[in-house]
Structures are given as structure tokens and as C-alpha cells.
Amino acid sequence: IICEAFDNAEAKAMLANFVLEKLYDKYL
């Protein structure tokens, strides 16, 4: 499981997009 805890919108979007598209077996 991956917890996103950033305070930067671009960093949030980058991490979310990568996990959902490339690490789709993991929970975000």
C-alpha cells in the first residue's frame, strides 16, 4: 500500500498517475 502525503499538487498528480497506471496491483 502506498500513502501519498505530499503538499505539492504536481507531485501528488505524478505519484497518483504512476501508481494507478504502472503499479496497478497496489493500493493508493
Full PDB file with SEQRES, HELIX, SHEET, SSBOND, CRYST1, ORIGX, SCALE, CONECT and MASTER records, all heavy atoms in Angstrom:
SEQRES   1 A   28  ILE ILE CYS GLU ALA PHE ASP ASN ALA GLU ALA LYS ALA          
SEQRES   2 A   28  MET LEU ALA ASN PHE VAL LEU GLU LYS LEU TYR ASP LYS          
SEQRES   3 A   28  TYR LEU                                                      
HELIX    1 AA1 ALA A    9  LYS A   22  1                                  14    
CRYST1    1.000    1.000    1.000  90.00  90.00  90.00 P 1           1          
ORIGX1      1.000000  0.000000  0.000000        0.00000                         
ORIGX2      0.000000  1.000000  0.000000        0.00000                         
ORIGX3      0.000000  0.000000  1.000000        0.00000                         
SCALE1      1.000000  0.000000  0.000000        0.00000                         
SCALE2      0.000000  1.000000  0.000000        0.00000                         
SCALE3      0.000000  0.000000  1.000000        0.00000                         
ATOM      1  N   ILE A   1       0.857  -1.182   0.000  1.00  0.00           N  
ATOM      2  CA  ILE A   1       0.000   0.000   0.000  1.00  0.00           C  
ATOM      3  C   ILE A   1       0.892   1.231   0.000  1.00  0.00           C  
ATOM      4  O   ILE A   1       1.920   1.267   0.687  1.00  0.00           O  
ATOM      5  CB  ILE A   1      -0.926   0.027   1.229  1.00  0.00           C  
ATOM      6  CG1 ILE A   1      -1.803  -1.234   1.263  1.00  0.00           C  
ATOM      7  CG2 ILE A   1      -1.806   1.280   1.223  1.00  0.00           C  
ATOM      8  CD1 ILE A   1      -2.695  -1.335   2.491  1.00  0.00           C  
ATOM      9  N   ILE A   2       0.498   2.239  -0.773  1.00  0.00           N  
ATOM     10  CA  ILE A   2       1.270   3.475  -0.890  1.00  0.00           C  
ATOM     11  C   ILE A   2       0.434   4.630  -0.360  1.00  0.00           C  
ATOM     12  O   ILE A   2      -0.704   4.834  -0.796  1.00  0.00           O  
ATOM     13  CB  ILE A   2       1.656   3.730  -2.358  1.00  0.00           C  
ATOM     14  CG1 ILE A   2       2.571   2.599  -2.857  1.00  0.00           C  
ATOM     15  CG2 ILE A   2       2.329   5.089  -2.519  1.00  0.00           C  
ATOM     16  CD1 ILE A   2       2.646   2.482  -4.361  1.00  0.00           C  
ATOM     17  N   CYS A   3       0.985   5.386   0.586  1.00  0.00           N  
ATOM     18  CA  CYS A   3       0.324   6.571   1.120  1.00  0.00           C  
ATOM     19  C   CYS A   3       0.956   7.809   0.486  1.00  0.00           C  
ATOM     20  O   CYS A   3       2.159   8.043   0.643  1.00  0.00           O  
ATOM     21  CB  CYS A   3       0.475   6.649   2.634  1.00  0.00           C  
ATOM     22  SG  CYS A   3      -0.505   5.443   3.530  1.00  0.00           S  
ATOM     23  N   GLU A   4       0.152   8.582  -0.212  1.00  0.00           N  
ATOM     24  CA  GLU A   4       0.607   9.856  -0.778  1.00  0.00           C  
ATOM     25  C   GLU A   4       0.397  10.923   0.272  1.00  0.00           C  
ATOM     26  O   GLU A   4      -0.731  11.132   0.726  1.00  0.00           O  
ATOM     27  CB  GLU A   4      -0.169  10.157  -2.061  1.00  0.00           C  
ATOM     28  CG  GLU A   4       0.161  11.494  -2.694  1.00  0.00           C  
ATOM     29  CD  GLU A   4      -0.640  12.635  -2.089  1.00  0.00           C  
ATOM     30  OE1 GLU A   4      -1.874  12.548  -2.023  1.00  0.00           O  
ATOM     31  OE2 GLU A   4       0.008  13.622  -1.678  1.00  0.00           O  
ATOM     32  N   ALA A   5       1.477  11.612   0.655  1.00  0.00           N  
ATOM     33  CA  ALA A   5       1.395  12.620   1.722  1.00  0.00           C  
ATOM     34  C   ALA A   5       2.172  13.867   1.339  1.00  0.00           C  
ATOM     35  O   ALA A   5       2.869  14.465   2.167  1.00  0.00           O  
ATOM     36  CB  ALA A   5       1.909  12.033   3.031  1.00  0.00           C  
ATOM     37  N   PHE A   6       2.056  14.265   0.080  1.00  0.00           N  
ATOM     38  CA  PHE A   6       2.754  15.447  -0.411  1.00  0.00           C  
ATOM     39  C   PHE A   6       1.946  16.716  -0.157  1.00  0.00           C  
ATOM     40  O   PHE A   6       0.731  16.663   0.035  1.00  0.00           O  
ATOM     41  CB  PHE A   6       3.006  15.327  -1.918  1.00  0.00           C  
ATOM     42  CG  PHE A   6       3.974  14.239  -2.304  1.00  0.00           C  
ATOM     43  CD1 PHE A   6       3.794  13.524  -3.479  1.00  0.00           C  
ATOM     44  CD2 PHE A   6       5.061  13.943  -1.518  1.00  0.00           C  
ATOM     45  CE1 PHE A   6       4.674  12.535  -3.849  1.00  0.00           C  
ATOM     46  CE2 PHE A   6       5.956  12.950  -1.877  1.00  0.00           C  
ATOM     47  CZ  PHE A   6       5.767  12.250  -3.051  1.00  0.00           C  
ATOM     48  N   ASP A   7       2.620  17.865  -0.226  1.00  0.00           N  
ATOM     49  CA  ASP A   7       1.926  19.155  -0.149  1.00  0.00           C  
ATOM     50  C   ASP A   7       2.029  19.922  -1.467  1.00  0.00           C  
ATOM     51  O   ASP A   7       1.683  21.093  -1.534  1.00  0.00           O  
ATOM     52  CB  ASP A   7       2.462  20.004   1.002  1.00  0.00           C  
ATOM     53  CG  ASP A   7       3.965  20.232   0.919  1.00  0.00           C  
ATOM     54  OD1 ASP A   7       4.565  19.919  -0.131  1.00  0.00           O  
ATOM     55  OD2 ASP A   7       4.545  20.745   1.887  1.00  0.00           O  
ATOM     56  N   ASN A   8       2.490  19.243  -2.498  1.00  0.00           N  
ATOM     57  CA  ASN A   8       2.657  19.856  -3.816  1.00  0.00           C  
ATOM     58  C   ASN A   8       1.729  19.171  -4.814  1.00  0.00           C  
ATOM     59  O   ASN A   8       1.756  17.943  -4.955  1.00  0.00           O  
ATOM     60  CB  ASN A   8       4.120  19.732  -4.253  1.00  0.00           C  
ATOM     61  CG  ASN A   8       4.367  20.280  -5.640  1.00  0.00           C  
ATOM     62  OD1 ASN A   8       4.129  19.584  -6.624  1.00  0.00           O  
ATOM     63  ND2 ASN A   8       4.846  21.505  -5.731  1.00  0.00           N  
ATOM     64  N   ALA A   9       0.900  19.958  -5.496  1.00  0.00           N  
ATOM     65  CA  ALA A   9      -0.118  19.401  -6.393  1.00  0.00           C  
ATOM     66  C   ALA A   9       0.492  18.592  -7.528  1.00  0.00           C  
ATOM     67  O   ALA A   9      -0.023  17.529  -7.894  1.00  0.00           O  
ATOM     68  CB  ALA A   9      -0.985  20.527  -6.955  1.00  0.00           C  
ATOM     69  N   GLU A  10       1.597  19.085  -8.100  1.00  0.00           N  
ATOM     70  CA  GLU A  10       2.201  18.352  -9.219  1.00  0.00           C  
ATOM     71  C   GLU A  10       2.781  17.021  -8.773  1.00  0.00           C  
ATOM     72  O   GLU A  10       2.677  16.021  -9.479  1.00  0.00           O  
ATOM     73  CB  GLU A  10       3.290  19.207  -9.871  1.00  0.00           C  
ATOM     74  CG  GLU A  10       2.721  20.264 -10.774  1.00  0.00           C  
ATOM     75  CD  GLU A  10       3.048  21.650 -10.267  1.00  0.00           C  
ATOM     76  OE1 GLU A  10       3.925  21.803  -9.403  1.00  0.00           O  
ATOM     77  OE2 GLU A  10       2.389  22.570 -10.741  1.00  0.00           O  
ATOM     78  N   ALA A  11       3.401  17.023  -7.594  1.00  0.00           N  
ATOM     79  CA  ALA A  11       3.962  15.784  -7.057  1.00  0.00           C  
ATOM     80  C   ALA A  11       2.860  14.786  -6.743  1.00  0.00           C  
ATOM     81  O   ALA A  11       3.000  13.579  -6.995  1.00  0.00           O  
ATOM     82  CB  ALA A  11       4.789  16.078  -5.805  1.00  0.00           C  
ATOM     83  N   LYS A  12       1.748  15.275  -6.213  1.00  0.00           N  
ATOM     84  CA  LYS A  12       0.595  14.407  -5.936  1.00  0.00           C  
ATOM     85  C   LYS A  12       0.112  13.751  -7.221  1.00  0.00           C  
ATOM     86  O   LYS A  12      -0.125  12.539  -7.267  1.00  0.00           O  
ATOM     87  CB  LYS A  12      -0.553  15.224  -5.337  1.00  0.00           C  
ATOM     88  CG  LYS A  12      -0.404  15.607  -3.882  1.00  0.00           C  
ATOM     89  CD  LYS A  12      -1.569  16.484  -3.446  1.00  0.00           C  
ATOM     90  CE  LYS A  12      -1.542  16.785  -1.965  1.00  0.00           C  
ATOM     91  NZ  LYS A  12      -1.945  15.627  -1.141  1.00  0.00           N  
ATOM     92  N   ALA A  13      -0.046  14.566  -8.267  1.00  0.00           N  
ATOM     93  CA  ALA A  13      -0.566  14.058  -9.542  1.00  0.00           C  
ATOM     94  C   ALA A  13       0.396  13.058 -10.168  1.00  0.00           C  
ATOM     95  O   ALA A  13      -0.015  12.016 -10.690  1.00  0.00           O  
ATOM     96  CB  ALA A  13      -0.824  15.218 -10.495  1.00  0.00           C  
ATOM     97  N   MET A  14       1.699  13.355 -10.110  1.00  0.00           N  
ATOM     98  CA  MET A  14       2.686  12.452 -10.680  1.00  0.00           C  
ATOM     99  C   MET A  14       2.652  11.094 -10.006  1.00  0.00           C  
ATOM    100  O   MET A  14       2.620  10.047 -10.657  1.00  0.00           O  
ATOM    101  CB  MET A  14       4.089  13.072 -10.559  1.00  0.00           C  
ATOM    102  CG  MET A  14       5.212  12.233 -11.179  1.00  0.00           C  
ATOM    103  SD  MET A  14       5.897  10.953 -10.085  1.00  0.00           S  
ATOM    104  CE  MET A  14       6.705  11.971  -8.840  1.00  0.00           C  
ATOM    105  N   LEU A  15       2.637  11.094  -8.680  1.00  0.00           N  
ATOM    106  CA  LEU A  15       2.625   9.837  -7.946  1.00  0.00           C  
ATOM    107  C   LEU A  15       1.340   9.059  -8.208  1.00  0.00           C  
ATOM    108  O   LEU A  15       1.373   7.851  -8.494  1.00  0.00           O  
ATOM    109  CB  LEU A  15       2.802  10.089  -6.456  1.00  0.00           C  
ATOM    110  CG  LEU A  15       2.978   8.829  -5.595  1.00  0.00           C  
ATOM    111  CD1 LEU A  15       3.982   9.076  -4.475  1.00  0.00           C  
ATOM    112  CD2 LEU A  15       1.675   8.358  -4.992  1.00  0.00           C  
ATOM    113  N   ALA A  16       0.212   9.737  -8.137  1.00  0.00           N  
ATOM    114  CA  ALA A  16      -1.072   9.061  -8.342  1.00  0.00           C  
ATOM    115  C   ALA A  16      -1.161   8.460  -9.738  1.00  0.00           C  
ATOM    116  O   ALA A  16      -1.569   7.300  -9.905  1.00  0.00           O  
ATOM    117  CB  ALA A  16      -2.220  10.031  -8.112  1.00  0.00           C  
ATOM    118  N   ASN A  17      -0.762   9.224 -10.741  1.00  0.00           N  
ATOM    119  CA  ASN A  17      -0.836   8.726 -12.112  1.00  0.00           C  
ATOM    120  C   ASN A  17       0.064   7.518 -12.316  1.00  0.00           C  
ATOM    121  O   ASN A  17      -0.320   6.533 -12.960  1.00  0.00           O  
ATOM    122  CB  ASN A  17      -0.449   9.830 -13.099  1.00  0.00           C  
ATOM    123  CG  ASN A  17      -1.498  10.919 -13.185  1.00  0.00           C  
ATOM    124  OD1 ASN A  17      -2.672  10.685 -12.883  1.00  0.00           O  
ATOM    125  ND2 ASN A  17      -1.094  12.117 -13.588  1.00  0.00           N  
ATOM    126  N   PHE A  18       1.273   7.576 -11.749  1.00  0.00           N  
ATOM    127  CA  PHE A  18       2.200   6.457 -11.918  1.00  0.00           C  
ATOM    128  C   PHE A  18       1.682   5.206 -11.238  1.00  0.00           C  
ATOM    129  O   PHE A  18       1.695   4.111 -11.828  1.00  0.00           O  
ATOM    130  CB  PHE A  18       3.582   6.819 -11.369  1.00  0.00           C  
ATOM    131  CG  PHE A  18       4.633   5.799 -11.702  1.00  0.00           C  
ATOM    132  CD1 PHE A  18       5.415   5.931 -12.840  1.00  0.00           C  
ATOM    133  CD2 PHE A  18       4.845   4.680 -10.897  1.00  0.00           C  
ATOM    134  CE1 PHE A  18       6.376   4.979 -13.166  1.00  0.00           C  
ATOM    135  CE2 PHE A  18       5.802   3.733 -11.202  1.00  0.00           C  
ATOM    136  CZ  PHE A  18       6.565   3.878 -12.345  1.00  0.00           C  
ATOM    137  N   VAL A  19       1.240   5.343  -9.998  1.00  0.00           N  
ATOM    138  CA  VAL A  19       0.761   4.167  -9.264  1.00  0.00           C  
ATOM    139  C   VAL A  19      -0.458   3.560  -9.942  1.00  0.00           C  
ATOM    140  O   VAL A  19      -0.536   2.334 -10.130  1.00  0.00           O  
ATOM    141  CB  VAL A  19       0.436   4.544  -7.800  1.00  0.00           C  
ATOM    142  CG1 VAL A  19      -0.230   3.374  -7.080  1.00  0.00           C  
ATOM    143  CG2 VAL A  19       1.706   4.950  -7.062  1.00  0.00           C  
ATOM    144  N   LEU A  20      -1.405   4.387 -10.328  1.00  0.00           N  
ATOM    145  CA  LEU A  20      -2.640   3.869 -10.919  1.00  0.00           C  
ATOM    146  C   LEU A  20      -2.417   3.267 -12.300  1.00  0.00           C  
ATOM    147  O   LEU A  20      -3.123   2.338 -12.695  1.00  0.00           O  
ATOM    148  CB  LEU A  20      -3.676   4.995 -10.997  1.00  0.00           C  
ATOM    149  CG  LEU A  20      -4.152   5.538  -9.644  1.00  0.00           C  
ATOM    150  CD1 LEU A  20      -5.061   6.740  -9.841  1.00  0.00           C  
ATOM    151  CD2 LEU A  20      -4.857   4.462  -8.831  1.00  0.00           C  
ATOM    152  N   GLU A  21      -1.413   3.784 -13.032  1.00  0.00           N  
ATOM    153  CA  GLU A  21      -1.171   3.294 -14.390  1.00  0.00           C  
ATOM    154  C   GLU A  21      -0.116   2.196 -14.457  1.00  0.00           C  
ATOM    155  O   GLU A  21      -0.229   1.272 -15.269  1.00  0.00           O  
ATOM    156  CB  GLU A  21      -0.741   4.456 -15.289  1.00  0.00           C  
ATOM    157  CG  GLU A  21      -1.836   5.492 -15.508  1.00  0.00           C  
ATOM    158  CD  GLU A  21      -1.344   6.708 -16.280  1.00  0.00           C  
ATOM    159  OE1 GLU A  21      -0.178   6.681 -16.753  1.00  0.00           O  
ATOM    160  OE2 GLU A  21      -2.108   7.676 -16.395  1.00  0.00           O  
ATOM    161  N   LYS A  22       0.912   2.273 -13.609  1.00  0.00           N  
ATOM    162  CA  LYS A  22       2.041   1.335 -13.715  1.00  0.00           C  
ATOM    163  C   LYS A  22       2.127   0.350 -12.554  1.00  0.00           C  
ATOM    164  O   LYS A  22       2.673  -0.746 -12.708  1.00  0.00           O  
ATOM    165  CB  LYS A  22       3.350   2.124 -13.795  1.00  0.00           C  
ATOM    166  CG  LYS A  22       3.401   3.143 -14.924  1.00  0.00           C  
ATOM    167  CD  LYS A  22       3.501   2.471 -16.288  1.00  0.00           C  
ATOM    168  CE  LYS A  22       3.543   3.517 -17.405  1.00  0.00           C  
ATOM    169  NZ  LYS A  22       4.707   4.390 -17.335  1.00  0.00           N  
ATOM    170  N   LEU A  23       1.649   0.738 -11.396  1.00  0.00           N  
ATOM    171  CA  LEU A  23       1.693  -0.142 -10.221  1.00  0.00           C  
ATOM    172  C   LEU A  23       0.265  -0.493  -9.817  1.00  0.00           C  
ATOM    173  O   LEU A  23      -0.122  -0.406  -8.654  1.00  0.00           O  
ATOM    174  CB  LEU A  23       2.420   0.548  -9.063  1.00  0.00           C  
ATOM    175  CG  LEU A  23       3.878   0.943  -9.313  1.00  0.00           C  
ATOM    176  CD1 LEU A  23       4.429   1.739  -8.140  1.00  0.00           C  
ATOM    177  CD2 LEU A  23       4.737  -0.285  -9.568  1.00  0.00           C  
ATOM    178  N   TYR A  24      -0.522  -0.910 -10.784  1.00  0.00           N  
ATOM    179  CA  TYR A  24      -1.965  -1.094 -10.600  1.00  0.00           C  
ATOM    180  C   TYR A  24      -2.321  -2.245  -9.665  1.00  0.00           C  
ATOM    181  O   TYR A  24      -3.484  -2.408  -9.295  1.00  0.00           O  
ATOM    182  CB  TYR A  24      -2.655  -1.282 -11.953  1.00  0.00           C  
ATOM    183  CG  TYR A  24      -1.935  -2.202 -12.901  1.00  0.00           C  
ATOM    184  CD1 TYR A  24      -2.058  -3.584 -12.798  1.00  0.00           C  
ATOM    185  CD2 TYR A  24      -1.102  -1.678 -13.882  1.00  0.00           C  
ATOM    186  CE1 TYR A  24      -1.375  -4.424 -13.649  1.00  0.00           C  
ATOM    187  CE2 TYR A  24      -0.414  -2.529 -14.751  1.00  0.00           C  
ATOM    188  CZ  TYR A  24      -0.555  -3.886 -14.634  1.00  0.00           C  
ATOM    189  OH  TYR A  24       0.130  -4.719 -15.479  1.00  0.00           O  
ATOM    190  N   ASP A  25      -1.338  -3.050  -9.270  1.00  0.00           N  
ATOM    191  CA  ASP A  25      -1.604  -4.124  -8.315  1.00  0.00           C  
ATOM    192  C   ASP A  25      -1.552  -3.619  -6.868  1.00  0.00           C  
ATOM    193  O   ASP A  25      -1.879  -4.362  -5.944  1.00  0.00           O  
ATOM    194  CB  ASP A  25      -0.595  -5.263  -8.494  1.00  0.00           C  
ATOM    195  CG  ASP A  25       0.851  -4.811  -8.283  1.00  0.00           C  
ATOM    196  OD1 ASP A  25       1.180  -3.678  -8.707  1.00  0.00           O  
ATOM    197  OD2 ASP A  25       1.639  -5.580  -7.716  1.00  0.00           O  
ATOM    198  N   LYS A  26      -1.163  -2.356  -6.678  1.00  0.00           N  
ATOM    199  CA  LYS A  26      -1.001  -1.812  -5.332  1.00  0.00           C  
ATOM    200  C   LYS A  26      -2.145  -0.857  -4.994  1.00  0.00           C  
ATOM    201  O   LYS A  26      -2.756  -0.263  -5.878  1.00  0.00           O  
ATOM    202  CB  LYS A  26       0.335  -1.080  -5.228  1.00  0.00           C  
ATOM    203  CG  LYS A  26       1.524  -1.974  -5.586  1.00  0.00           C  
ATOM    204  CD  LYS A  26       2.838  -1.269  -5.435  1.00  0.00           C  
ATOM    205  CE  LYS A  26       3.990  -2.154  -5.928  1.00  0.00           C  
ATOM    206  NZ  LYS A  26       4.065  -3.451  -5.233  1.00  0.00           N  
ATOM    207  N   TYR A  27      -2.397  -0.700  -3.710  1.00  0.00           N  
ATOM    208  CA  TYR A  27      -3.407   0.240  -3.245  1.00  0.00           C  
ATOM    209  C   TYR A  27      -2.758   1.609  -3.044  1.00  0.00           C  
ATOM    210  O   TYR A  27      -1.615   1.705  -2.580  1.00  0.00           O  
ATOM    211  CB  TYR A  27      -4.010  -0.227  -1.926  1.00  0.00           C  
ATOM    212  CG  TYR A  27      -4.948  -1.397  -2.072  1.00  0.00           C  
ATOM    213  CD1 TYR A  27      -4.468  -2.702  -2.003  1.00  0.00           C  
ATOM    214  CD2 TYR A  27      -6.307  -1.205  -2.299  1.00  0.00           C  
ATOM    215  CE1 TYR A  27      -5.327  -3.792  -2.139  1.00  0.00           C  
ATOM    216  CE2 TYR A  27      -7.172  -2.281  -2.433  1.00  0.00           C  
ATOM    217  CZ  TYR A  27      -6.674  -3.561  -2.360  1.00  0.00           C  
ATOM    218  OH  TYR A  27      -7.519  -4.635  -2.507  1.00  0.00           O  
ATOM    219  N   LEU A  28      -3.507   2.660  -3.377  1.00  0.00           N  
ATOM    220  CA  LEU A  28      -3.058   4.025  -3.181  1.00  0.00           C  
ATOM    221  C   LEU A  28      -4.030   4.745  -2.248  1.00  0.00           C  
ATOM    222  O   LEU A  28      -5.244   4.761  -2.483  1.00  0.00           O  
ATOM    223  CB  LEU A  28      -2.989   4.767  -4.516  1.00  0.00           C  
ATOM    224  CG  LEU A  28      -2.664   6.261  -4.447  1.00  0.00           C  
ATOM    225  CD1 LEU A  28      -1.260   6.492  -3.885  1.00  0.00           C  
ATOM    226  CD2 LEU A  28      -2.782   6.900  -5.826  1.00  0.00           C  
TER     227      LEU A  28                                                      
MASTER        0    0    0    1    0    0    0    6  226    1    0    3          
END                                                                             
